[in-house]
Amino acid sequence: NYTFSAADRAKVFVWTGAVGTFTLPTASSLRNNWFVAVRNAGSGNLALTPTSPSQINSTTSINLSPGDSAIVVTDGTNFYTVGLGTNRQMQLGFRFNF
């Protein structure tokens, strides 16, 4: 588990454990140009949880599944993800009618 601070601005964090939590401080304690890149390279879900009253993507916490990644940014009030990537296998089915 890890708690972000203002000094973490523009850093990359790669989670390699099992289930874990990255805690964000209140958005108001950071400048509006604060951001970090996060990747879940672990084996369990990684929660991104801001300190209240801040939210992330209009909720109190989000989970990154193994393989997910995102850039987390703040506007000084709340947090948002940009490019939340999801590691999902896509199966395509084709059907041809002749």
PDB file of N, CA and C in Angstrom:
ATOM      1  N   ASN A   1       0.844  -1.183   0.000  1.00  0.00           N
ATOM      2  CA  ASN A   1       0.000   0.000   0.000  1.00  0.00           C
ATOM      3  C   ASN A   1       0.885   1.241   0.000  1.00  0.00           C
ATOM      4  N   TYR A   2       0.334   2.329  -0.538  1.00  0.00           N
ATOM      5  CA  TYR A   2       1.122   3.555  -0.650  1.00  0.00           C
ATOM      6  C   TYR A   2       0.179   4.748  -0.569  1.00  0.00           C
ATOM      7  N   THR A   3       0.664   5.832   0.042  1.00  0.00           N
ATOM      8  CA  THR A   3      -0.070   7.090   0.089  1.00  0.00           C
ATOM      9  C   THR A   3       0.708   8.126  -0.706  1.00  0.00           C
ATOM     10  N   PHE A   4       0.071   8.694  -1.720  1.00  0.00           N
ATOM     11  CA  PHE A   4       0.715   9.701  -2.551  1.00  0.00           C
ATOM     12  C   PHE A   4       0.870  11.016  -1.793  1.00  0.00           C
ATOM     13  N   SER A   5       1.838  11.827  -2.261  1.00  0.00           N
ATOM     14  CA  SER A   5       2.036  13.166  -1.710  1.00  0.00           C
ATOM     15  C   SER A   5       2.309  14.127  -2.868  1.00  0.00           C
ATOM     16  N   ALA A   6       2.403  15.400  -2.564  1.00  0.00           N
ATOM     17  CA  ALA A   6       2.685  16.401  -3.592  1.00  0.00           C
ATOM     18  C   ALA A   6       4.017  16.119  -4.286  1.00  0.00           C
ATOM     19  N   ALA A   7       4.963  15.527  -3.578  1.00  0.00           N
ATOM     20  CA  ALA A   7       6.282  15.225  -4.137  1.00  0.00           C
ATOM     21  C   ALA A   7       6.248  14.123  -5.198  1.00  0.00           C
ATOM     22  N   ASP A   8       5.142  13.409  -5.303  1.00  0.00           N
ATOM     23  CA  ASP A   8       5.017  12.320  -6.293  1.00  0.00           C
ATOM     24  C   ASP A   8       4.573  12.805  -7.665  1.00  0.00           C
ATOM     25  N   ARG A   9       4.376  14.110  -7.825  1.00  0.00           N
ATOM     26  CA  ARG A   9       3.904  14.675  -9.097  1.00  0.00           C
ATOM     27  C   ARG A   9       4.767  14.194 -10.256  1.00  0.00           C
ATOM     28  N   ALA A  10       4.095  13.716 -11.312  1.00  0.00           N
ATOM     29  CA  ALA A  10       4.721  13.293 -12.571  1.00  0.00           C
ATOM     30  C   ALA A  10       5.536  12.004 -12.449  1.00  0.00           C
ATOM     31  N   LYS A  11       5.314  11.230 -11.422  1.00  0.00           N
ATOM     32  CA  LYS A  11       6.019   9.954 -11.267  1.00  0.00           C
ATOM     33  C   LYS A  11       5.164   8.802 -11.799  1.00  0.00           C
ATOM     34  N   VAL A  12       5.827   7.683 -12.034  1.00  0.00           N
ATOM     35  CA  VAL A  12       5.161   6.466 -12.487  1.00  0.00           C
ATOM     36  C   VAL A  12       5.214   5.454 -11.352  1.00  0.00           C
ATOM     37  N   PHE A  13       4.082   4.833 -11.070  1.00  0.00           N
ATOM     38  CA  PHE A  13       3.991   3.831 -10.013  1.00  0.00           C
ATOM     39  C   PHE A  13       3.471   2.529 -10.611  1.00  0.00           C
ATOM     40  N   VAL A  14       4.232   1.452 -10.396  1.00  0.00           N
ATOM     41  CA  VAL A  14       3.845   0.138 -10.889  1.00  0.00           C
ATOM     42  C   VAL A  14       3.626  -0.765  -9.683  1.00  0.00           C
ATOM     43  N   TRP A  15       2.394  -1.211  -9.523  1.00  0.00           N
ATOM     44  CA  TRP A  15       2.027  -2.125  -8.437  1.00  0.00           C
ATOM     45  C   TRP A  15       2.348  -3.535  -8.872  1.00  0.00           C
ATOM     46  N   THR A  16       3.064  -4.309  -8.028  1.00  0.00           N
ATOM     47  CA  THR A  16       3.419  -5.686  -8.368  1.00  0.00           C
ATOM     48  C   THR A  16       2.971  -6.683  -7.303  1.00  0.00           C
ATOM     49  N   GLY A  17       2.192  -6.235  -6.329  1.00  0.00           N
ATOM     50  CA  GLY A  17       1.742  -7.124  -5.272  1.00  0.00           C
ATOM     51  C   GLY A  17       0.416  -7.783  -5.595  1.00  0.00           C
ATOM     52  N   ALA A  18      -0.217  -8.292  -4.552  1.00  0.00           N
ATOM     53  CA  ALA A  18      -1.555  -8.867  -4.696  1.00  0.00           C
ATOM     54  C   ALA A  18      -2.557  -7.723  -4.568  1.00  0.00           C
ATOM     55  N   VAL A  19      -3.579  -7.878  -3.753  1.00  0.00           N
ATOM     56  CA  VAL A  19      -4.563  -6.818  -3.537  1.00  0.00           C
ATOM     57  C   VAL A  19      -3.893  -5.670  -2.778  1.00  0.00           C
ATOM     58  N   GLY A  20      -4.192  -4.415  -3.185  1.00  0.00           N
ATOM     59  CA  GLY A  20      -3.572  -3.277  -2.514  1.00  0.00           C
ATOM     60  C   GLY A  20      -4.369  -2.005  -2.694  1.00  0.00           C
ATOM     61  N   THR A  21      -3.883  -0.931  -2.033  1.00  0.00           N
ATOM     62  CA  THR A  21      -4.541   0.374  -2.107  1.00  0.00           C
ATOM     63  C   THR A  21      -3.497   1.458  -2.281  1.00  0.00           C
ATOM     64  N   PHE A  22      -3.737   2.343  -3.245  1.00  0.00           N
ATOM     65  CA  PHE A  22      -2.995   3.587  -3.382  1.00  0.00           C
ATOM     66  C   PHE A  22      -3.940   4.679  -2.898  1.00  0.00           C
ATOM     67  N   THR A  23      -3.548   5.392  -1.853  1.00  0.00           N
ATOM     68  CA  THR A  23      -4.378   6.445  -1.286  1.00  0.00           C
ATOM     69  C   THR A  23      -3.923   7.791  -1.821  1.00  0.00           C
ATOM     70  N   LEU A  24      -4.874   8.573  -2.292  1.00  0.00           N
ATOM     71  CA  LEU A  24      -4.609   9.927  -2.774  1.00  0.00           C
ATOM     72  C   LEU A  24      -4.949  10.916  -1.669  1.00  0.00           C
ATOM     73  N   PRO A  25      -4.129  11.979  -1.498  1.00  0.00           N
ATOM     74  CA  PRO A  25      -4.489  12.996  -0.504  1.00  0.00           C
ATOM     75  C   PRO A  25      -5.704  13.779  -1.000  1.00  0.00           C
ATOM     76  N   THR A  26      -6.182  14.732  -0.239  1.00  0.00           N
ATOM     77  CA  THR A  26      -7.264  15.560  -0.744  1.00  0.00           C
ATOM     78  C   THR A  26      -6.754  16.327  -1.960  1.00  0.00           C
ATOM     79  N   ALA A  27      -7.592  16.451  -2.956  1.00  0.00           N
ATOM     80  CA  ALA A  27      -7.186  17.145  -4.185  1.00  0.00           C
ATOM     81  C   ALA A  27      -6.825  18.597  -3.892  1.00  0.00           C
ATOM     82  N   SER A  28      -7.484  19.200  -2.921  1.00  0.00           N
ATOM     83  CA  SER A  28      -7.212  20.605  -2.599  1.00  0.00           C
ATOM     84  C   SER A  28      -5.815  20.812  -2.008  1.00  0.00           C
ATOM     85  N   SER A  29      -5.196  19.734  -1.511  1.00  0.00           N
ATOM     86  CA  SER A  29      -3.840  19.857  -0.966  1.00  0.00           C
ATOM     87  C   SER A  29      -2.774  19.813  -2.062  1.00  0.00           C
ATOM     88  N   LEU A  30      -3.204  19.523  -3.293  1.00  0.00           N
ATOM     89  CA  LEU A  30      -2.291  19.447  -4.433  1.00  0.00           C
ATOM     90  C   LEU A  30      -2.584  20.584  -5.394  1.00  0.00           C
ATOM     91  N   ARG A  31      -1.632  20.904  -6.236  1.00  0.00           N
ATOM     92  CA  ARG A  31      -1.898  21.896  -7.278  1.00  0.00           C
ATOM     93  C   ARG A  31      -2.760  21.275  -8.356  1.00  0.00           C
ATOM     94  N   ASN A  32      -3.442  22.114  -9.110  1.00  0.00           N
ATOM     95  CA  ASN A  32      -4.352  21.574 -10.104  1.00  0.00           C
ATOM     96  C   ASN A  32      -3.634  20.920 -11.273  1.00  0.00           C
ATOM     97  N   ASN A  33      -2.316  20.981 -11.332  1.00  0.00           N
ATOM     98  CA  ASN A  33      -1.587  20.296 -12.407  1.00  0.00           C
ATOM     99  C   ASN A  33      -0.859  19.045 -11.909  1.00  0.00           C
ATOM    100  N   TRP A  34      -1.262  18.527 -10.771  1.00  0.00           N
ATOM    101  CA  TRP A  34      -0.629  17.327 -10.211  1.00  0.00           C
ATOM    102  C   TRP A  34      -1.169  16.097 -10.941  1.00  0.00           C
ATOM    103  N   PHE A  35      -0.262  15.153 -11.239  1.00  0.00           N
ATOM    104  CA  PHE A  35      -0.680  13.902 -11.890  1.00  0.00           C
ATOM    105  C   PHE A  35       0.344  12.817 -11.617  1.00  0.00           C
ATOM    106  N   VAL A  36      -0.100  11.557 -11.710  1.00  0.00           N
ATOM    107  CA  VAL A  36       0.769  10.383 -11.632  1.00  0.00           C
ATOM    108  C   VAL A  36       0.274   9.353 -12.636  1.00  0.00           C
ATOM    109  N   ALA A  37       1.160   8.490 -13.061  1.00  0.00           N
ATOM    110  CA  ALA A  37       0.781   7.357 -13.908  1.00  0.00           C
ATOM    111  C   ALA A  37       0.827   6.102 -13.042  1.00  0.00           C
ATOM    112  N   VAL A  38      -0.204   5.275 -13.166  1.00  0.00           N
ATOM    113  CA  VAL A  38      -0.323   4.074 -12.335  1.00  0.00           C
ATOM    114  C   VAL A  38      -0.566   2.869 -13.225  1.00  0.00           C
ATOM    115  N   ARG A  39       0.127   1.794 -12.935  1.00  0.00           N
ATOM    116  CA  ARG A  39      -0.067   0.518 -13.659  1.00  0.00           C
ATOM    117  C   ARG A  39      -0.206  -0.588 -12.635  1.00  0.00           C
ATOM    118  N   ASN A  40      -1.200  -1.440 -12.805  1.00  0.00           N
ATOM    119  CA  ASN A  40      -1.342  -2.611 -11.951  1.00  0.00           C
ATOM    120  C   ASN A  40      -0.721  -3.804 -12.666  1.00  0.00           C
ATOM    121  N   ALA A  41       0.507  -4.119 -12.292  1.00  0.00           N
ATOM    122  CA  ALA A  41       1.200  -5.288 -12.829  1.00  0.00           C
ATOM    123  C   ALA A  41       1.186  -6.422 -11.812  1.00  0.00           C
ATOM    124  N   GLY A  42       0.310  -6.313 -10.830  1.00  0.00           N
ATOM    125  CA  GLY A  42       0.219  -7.316  -9.780  1.00  0.00           C
ATOM    126  C   GLY A  42      -0.782  -8.407 -10.099  1.00  0.00           C
ATOM    127  N   SER A  43      -1.092  -9.189  -9.079  1.00  0.00           N
ATOM    128  CA  SER A  43      -1.981 -10.334  -9.265  1.00  0.00           C
ATOM    129  C   SER A  43      -3.383 -10.110  -8.711  1.00  0.00           C
ATOM    130  N   GLY A  44      -3.624  -8.954  -8.094  1.00  0.00           N
ATOM    131  CA  GLY A  44      -4.949  -8.663  -7.539  1.00  0.00           C
ATOM    132  C   GLY A  44      -5.359  -7.244  -7.857  1.00  0.00           C
ATOM    133  N   ASN A  45      -6.577  -6.879  -7.470  1.00  0.00           N
ATOM    134  CA  ASN A  45      -7.081  -5.530  -7.719  1.00  0.00           C
ATOM    135  C   ASN A  45      -6.305  -4.495  -6.924  1.00  0.00           C
ATOM    136  N   LEU A  46      -6.119  -3.321  -7.530  1.00  0.00           N
ATOM    137  CA  LEU A  46      -5.477  -2.189  -6.887  1.00  0.00           C
ATOM    138  C   LEU A  46      -6.509  -1.076  -6.769  1.00  0.00           C
ATOM    139  N   ALA A  47      -6.835  -0.689  -5.543  1.00  0.00           N
ATOM    140  CA  ALA A  47      -7.804   0.389  -5.310  1.00  0.00           C
ATOM    141  C   ALA A  47      -7.091   1.733  -5.346  1.00  0.00           C
ATOM    142  N   LEU A  48      -7.687   2.695  -6.031  1.00  0.00           N
ATOM    143  CA  LEU A  48      -7.246   4.089  -5.991  1.00  0.00           C
ATOM    144  C   LEU A  48      -8.302   4.836  -5.198  1.00  0.00           C
ATOM    145  N   THR A  49      -7.922   5.294  -4.002  1.00  0.00           N
ATOM    146  CA  THR A  49      -8.894   5.854  -3.074  1.00  0.00           C
ATOM    147  C   THR A  49      -8.459   7.236  -2.604  1.00  0.00           C
ATOM    148  N   PRO A  50      -9.180   8.280  -3.003  1.00  0.00           N
ATOM    149  CA  PRO A  50      -8.862   9.616  -2.510  1.00  0.00           C
ATOM    150  C   PRO A  50      -9.349   9.827  -1.078  1.00  0.00           C
ATOM    151  N   THR A  51      -8.667  10.736  -0.392  1.00  0.00           N
ATOM    152  CA  THR A  51      -9.085  11.123   0.943  1.00  0.00           C
ATOM    153  C   THR A  51     -10.320  12.020   0.828  1.00  0.00           C
ATOM    154  N   SER A  52     -11.320  11.756   1.640  1.00  0.00           N
ATOM    155  CA  SER A  52     -12.562  12.524   1.620  1.00  0.00           C
ATOM    156  C   SER A  52     -12.273  13.991   1.944  1.00  0.00           C
ATOM    157  N   PRO A  53     -12.905  14.921   1.285  1.00  0.00           N
ATOM    158  CA  PRO A  53     -14.103  14.823   0.476  1.00  0.00           C
ATOM    159  C   PRO A  53     -13.833  14.614  -1.015  1.00  0.00           C
ATOM    160  N   SER A  54     -12.572  14.452  -1.402  1.00  0.00           N
ATOM    161  CA  SER A  54     -12.254  14.288  -2.825  1.00  0.00           C
ATOM    162  C   SER A  54     -12.804  12.974  -3.355  1.00  0.00           C
ATOM    163  N   GLN A  55     -13.081  12.948  -4.656  1.00  0.00           N
ATOM    164  CA  GLN A  55     -13.539  11.743  -5.326  1.00  0.00           C
ATOM    165  C   GLN A  55     -12.668  11.490  -6.548  1.00  0.00           C
ATOM    166  N   ILE A  56     -12.769  10.291  -7.086  1.00  0.00           N
ATOM    167  CA  ILE A  56     -12.088   9.952  -8.330  1.00  0.00           C
ATOM    168  C   ILE A  56     -13.137   9.430  -9.309  1.00  0.00           C
ATOM    169  N   ASN A  57     -13.197  10.035 -10.476  1.00  0.00           N
ATOM    170  CA  ASN A  57     -14.215   9.692 -11.482  1.00  0.00           C
ATOM    171  C   ASN A  57     -15.622   9.692 -10.877  1.00  0.00           C
ATOM    172  N   SER A  58     -15.896  10.685 -10.029  1.00  0.00           N
ATOM    173  CA  SER A  58     -17.210  10.894  -9.397  1.00  0.00           C
ATOM    174  C   SER A  58     -17.619   9.790  -8.434  1.00  0.00           C
ATOM    175  N   THR A  59     -16.645   9.088  -7.866  1.00  0.00           N
ATOM    176  CA  THR A  59     -16.937   8.054  -6.872  1.00  0.00           C
ATOM    177  C   THR A  59     -15.847   8.073  -5.804  1.00  0.00           C
ATOM    178  N   THR A  60     -16.043   7.302  -4.734  1.00  0.00           N
ATOM    179  CA  THR A  60     -15.102   7.335  -3.617  1.00  0.00           C
ATOM    180  C   THR A  60     -13.863   6.488  -3.829  1.00  0.00           C
ATOM    181  N   SER A  61     -13.890   5.558  -4.785  1.00  0.00           N
ATOM    182  CA  SER A  61     -12.746   4.681  -5.035  1.00  0.00           C
ATOM    183  C   SER A  61     -12.949   3.959  -6.359  1.00  0.00           C
ATOM    184  N   ILE A  62     -11.864   3.657  -7.047  1.00  0.00           N
ATOM    185  CA  ILE A  62     -11.951   2.823  -8.239  1.00  0.00           C
ATOM    186  C   ILE A  62     -10.943   1.691  -8.101  1.00  0.00           C
ATOM    187  N   ASN A  63     -11.198   0.595  -8.788  1.00  0.00           N
ATOM    188  CA  ASN A  63     -10.288  -0.545  -8.788  1.00  0.00           C
ATOM    189  C   ASN A  63      -9.641  -0.698 -10.145  1.00  0.00           C
ATOM    190  N   LEU A  64      -8.341  -0.915 -10.129  1.00  0.00           N
ATOM    191  CA  LEU A  64      -7.615  -1.285 -11.338  1.00  0.00           C
ATOM    192  C   LEU A  64      -7.364  -2.787 -11.267  1.00  0.00           C
ATOM    193  N   SER A  65      -7.877  -3.515 -12.231  1.00  0.00           N
ATOM    194  CA  SER A  65      -7.641  -4.950 -12.322  1.00  0.00           C
ATOM    195  C   SER A  65      -6.211  -5.186 -12.789  1.00  0.00           C
ATOM    196  N   PRO A  66      -5.679  -6.387 -12.591  1.00  0.00           N
ATOM    197  CA  PRO A  66      -4.352  -6.667 -13.118  1.00  0.00           C
ATOM    198  C   PRO A  66      -4.289  -6.358 -14.616  1.00  0.00           C
ATOM    199  N   GLY A  67      -3.282  -5.605 -15.016  1.00  0.00           N
ATOM    200  CA  GLY A  67      -3.114  -5.209 -16.400  1.00  0.00           C
ATOM    201  C   GLY A  67      -3.660  -3.827 -16.716  1.00  0.00           C
ATOM    202  N   ASP A  68      -4.486  -3.258 -15.829  1.00  0.00           N
ATOM    203  CA  ASP A  68      -5.033  -1.919 -16.051  1.00  0.00           C
ATOM    204  C   ASP A  68      -3.975  -0.849 -15.779  1.00  0.00           C
ATOM    205  N   SER A  69      -4.147   0.299 -16.421  1.00  0.00           N
ATOM    206  CA  SER A  69      -3.271   1.437 -16.181  1.00  0.00           C
ATOM    207  C   SER A  69      -4.054   2.720 -16.404  1.00  0.00           C
ATOM    208  N   ALA A  70      -3.568   3.818 -15.817  1.00  0.00           N
ATOM    209  CA  ALA A  70      -4.238   5.109 -15.970  1.00  0.00           C
ATOM    210  C   ALA A  70      -3.296   6.227 -15.550  1.00  0.00           C
ATOM    211  N   ILE A  71      -3.559   7.400 -16.081  1.00  0.00           N
ATOM    212  CA  ILE A  71      -2.950   8.613 -15.564  1.00  0.00           C
ATOM    213  C   ILE A  71      -4.002   9.250 -14.667  1.00  0.00           C
ATOM    214  N   VAL A  72      -3.628   9.546 -13.445  1.00  0.00           N
ATOM    215  CA  VAL A  72      -4.539  10.145 -12.477  1.00  0.00           C
ATOM    216  C   VAL A  72      -4.190  11.626 -12.370  1.00  0.00           C
ATOM    217  N   VAL A  73      -5.168  12.486 -12.620  1.00  0.00           N
ATOM    218  CA  VAL A  73      -4.951  13.939 -12.588  1.00  0.00           C
ATOM    219  C   VAL A  73      -5.941  14.585 -11.629  1.00  0.00           C
ATOM    220  N   THR A  74      -5.597  15.790 -11.175  1.00  0.00           N
ATOM    221  CA  THR A  74      -6.527  16.537 -10.339  1.00  0.00           C
ATOM    222  C   THR A  74      -6.734  17.943 -10.881  1.00  0.00           C
ATOM    223  N   ASP A  75      -7.926  18.450 -10.639  1.00  0.00           N
ATOM    224  CA  ASP A  75      -8.234  19.840 -10.962  1.00  0.00           C
ATOM    225  C   ASP A  75      -8.217  20.698  -9.707  1.00  0.00           C
ATOM    226  N   GLY A  76      -7.705  20.135  -8.610  1.00  0.00           N
ATOM    227  CA  GLY A  76      -7.665  20.835  -7.338  1.00  0.00           C
ATOM    228  C   GLY A  76      -8.891  20.606  -6.487  1.00  0.00           C
ATOM    229  N   THR A  77      -9.900  19.939  -7.038  1.00  0.00           N
ATOM    230  CA  THR A  77     -11.115  19.616  -6.291  1.00  0.00           C
ATOM    231  C   THR A  77     -11.335  18.112  -6.225  1.00  0.00           C
ATOM    232  N   ASN A  78     -11.202  17.431  -7.371  1.00  0.00           N
ATOM    233  CA  ASN A  78     -11.373  15.985  -7.453  1.00  0.00           C
ATOM    234  C   ASN A  78     -10.302  15.388  -8.352  1.00  0.00           C
ATOM    235  N   PHE A  79     -10.305  14.060  -8.443  1.00  0.00           N
ATOM    236  CA  PHE A  79      -9.360  13.335  -9.286  1.00  0.00           C
ATOM    237  C   PHE A  79     -10.108  12.691 -10.448  1.00  0.00           C
ATOM    238  N   TYR A  80      -9.389  12.531 -11.550  1.00  0.00           N
ATOM    239  CA  TYR A  80      -9.943  11.916 -12.755  1.00  0.00           C
ATOM    240  C   TYR A  80      -8.886  11.021 -13.370  1.00  0.00           C
ATOM    241  N   THR A  81      -9.331   9.984 -14.065  1.00  0.00           N
ATOM    242  CA  THR A  81      -8.386   9.156 -14.802  1.00  0.00           C
ATOM    243  C   THR A  81      -8.425   9.555 -16.266  1.00  0.00           C
ATOM    244  N   VAL A  82      -7.276   9.512 -16.891  1.00  0.00           N
ATOM    245  CA  VAL A  82      -7.148   9.779 -18.315  1.00  0.00           C
ATOM    246  C   VAL A  82      -6.536   8.528 -18.923  1.00  0.00           C
ATOM    247  N   GLY A  83      -7.187   8.004 -19.951  1.00  0.00           N
ATOM    248  CA  GLY A  83      -6.652   6.814 -20.609  1.00  0.00           C
ATOM    249  C   GLY A  83      -6.706   5.573 -19.751  1.00  0.00           C
ATOM    250  N   LEU A  84      -7.768   5.445 -18.962  1.00  0.00           N
ATOM    251  CA  LEU A  84      -7.909   4.240 -18.141  1.00  0.00           C
ATOM    252  C   LEU A  84      -7.959   3.054 -19.077  1.00  0.00           C
ATOM    253  N   GLY A  85      -6.884   2.299 -19.097  1.00  0.00           N
ATOM    254  CA  GLY A  85      -6.793   1.151 -19.992  1.00  0.00           C
ATOM    255  C   GLY A  85      -7.168  -0.108 -19.265  1.00  0.00           C
ATOM    256  N   THR A  86      -7.882  -0.945 -19.929  1.00  0.00           N
ATOM    257  CA  THR A  86      -8.323  -2.187 -19.335  1.00  0.00           C
ATOM    258  C   THR A  86      -7.736  -3.353 -20.096  1.00  0.00           C
ATOM    259  N   ASN A  87      -7.183  -4.281 -19.379  1.00  0.00           N
ATOM    260  CA  ASN A  87      -6.592  -5.457 -19.978  1.00  0.00           C
ATOM    261  C   ASN A  87      -7.684  -6.517 -20.116  1.00  0.00           C
ATOM    262  N   ARG A  88      -8.294  -6.539 -21.223  1.00  0.00           N
ATOM    263  CA  ARG A  88      -9.371  -7.504 -21.473  1.00  0.00           C
ATOM    264  C   ARG A  88      -9.073  -8.237 -22.773  1.00  0.00           C
ATOM    265  N   GLN A  89      -9.313  -9.515 -22.775  1.00  0.00           N
ATOM    266  CA  GLN A  89      -9.172 -10.261 -24.014  1.00  0.00           C
ATOM    267  C   GLN A  89     -10.451 -10.094 -24.796  1.00  0.00           C
ATOM    268  N   MET A  90     -10.290  -9.779 -26.030  1.00  0.00           N
ATOM    269  CA  MET A  90     -11.450  -9.542 -26.867  1.00  0.00           C
ATOM    270  C   MET A  90     -11.606 -10.716 -27.814  1.00  0.00           C
ATOM    271  N   GLN A  91     -12.764 -11.249 -27.841  1.00  0.00           N
ATOM    272  CA  GLN A  91     -13.033 -12.349 -28.748  1.00  0.00           C
ATOM    273  C   GLN A  91     -13.913 -11.827 -29.872  1.00  0.00           C
ATOM    274  N   LEU A  92     -13.467 -12.054 -31.051  1.00  0.00           N
ATOM    275  CA  LEU A  92     -14.243 -11.622 -32.219  1.00  0.00           C
ATOM    276  C   LEU A  92     -14.878 -12.834 -32.871  1.00  0.00           C
ATOM    277  N   GLY A  93     -16.120 -12.714 -33.151  1.00  0.00           N
ATOM    278  CA  GLY A  93     -16.820 -13.794 -33.853  1.00  0.00           C
ATOM    279  C   GLY A  93     -17.272 -13.293 -35.212  1.00  0.00           C
ATOM    280  N   PHE A  94     -17.021 -14.043 -36.207  1.00  0.00           N
ATOM    281  CA  PHE A  94     -17.420 -13.655 -37.561  1.00  0.00           C
ATOM    282  C   PHE A  94     -18.439 -14.655 -38.060  1.00  0.00           C
ATOM    283  N   ARG A  95     -19.428 -14.132 -38.701  1.00  0.00           N
ATOM    284  CA  ARG A  95     -20.449 -14.998 -39.272  1.00  0.00           C
ATOM    285  C   ARG A  95     -20.671 -14.551 -40.719  1.00  0.00           C
ATOM    286  N   PHE A  96     -20.563 -15.468 -41.596  1.00  0.00           N
ATOM    287  CA  PHE A  96     -20.747 -15.173 -43.014  1.00  0.00           C
ATOM    288  C   PHE A  96     -21.968 -15.904 -43.524  1.00  0.00           C
ATOM    289  N   ASN A  97     -22.829 -15.183 -44.183  1.00  0.00           N
ATOM    290  CA  ASN A  97     -23.999 -15.783 -44.818  1.00  0.00           C
ATOM    291  C   ASN A  97     -23.835 -15.676 -46.316  1.00  0.00           C
ATOM    292  N   PHE A  98     -23.891 -16.816 -46.985  1.00  0.00           N
ATOM    293  CA  PHE A  98     -23.765 -16.839 -48.448  1.00  0.00           C
ATOM    294  C   PHE A  98     -25.020 -17.382 -49.066  1.00  0.00           C
TER     295      PHE A  98
END
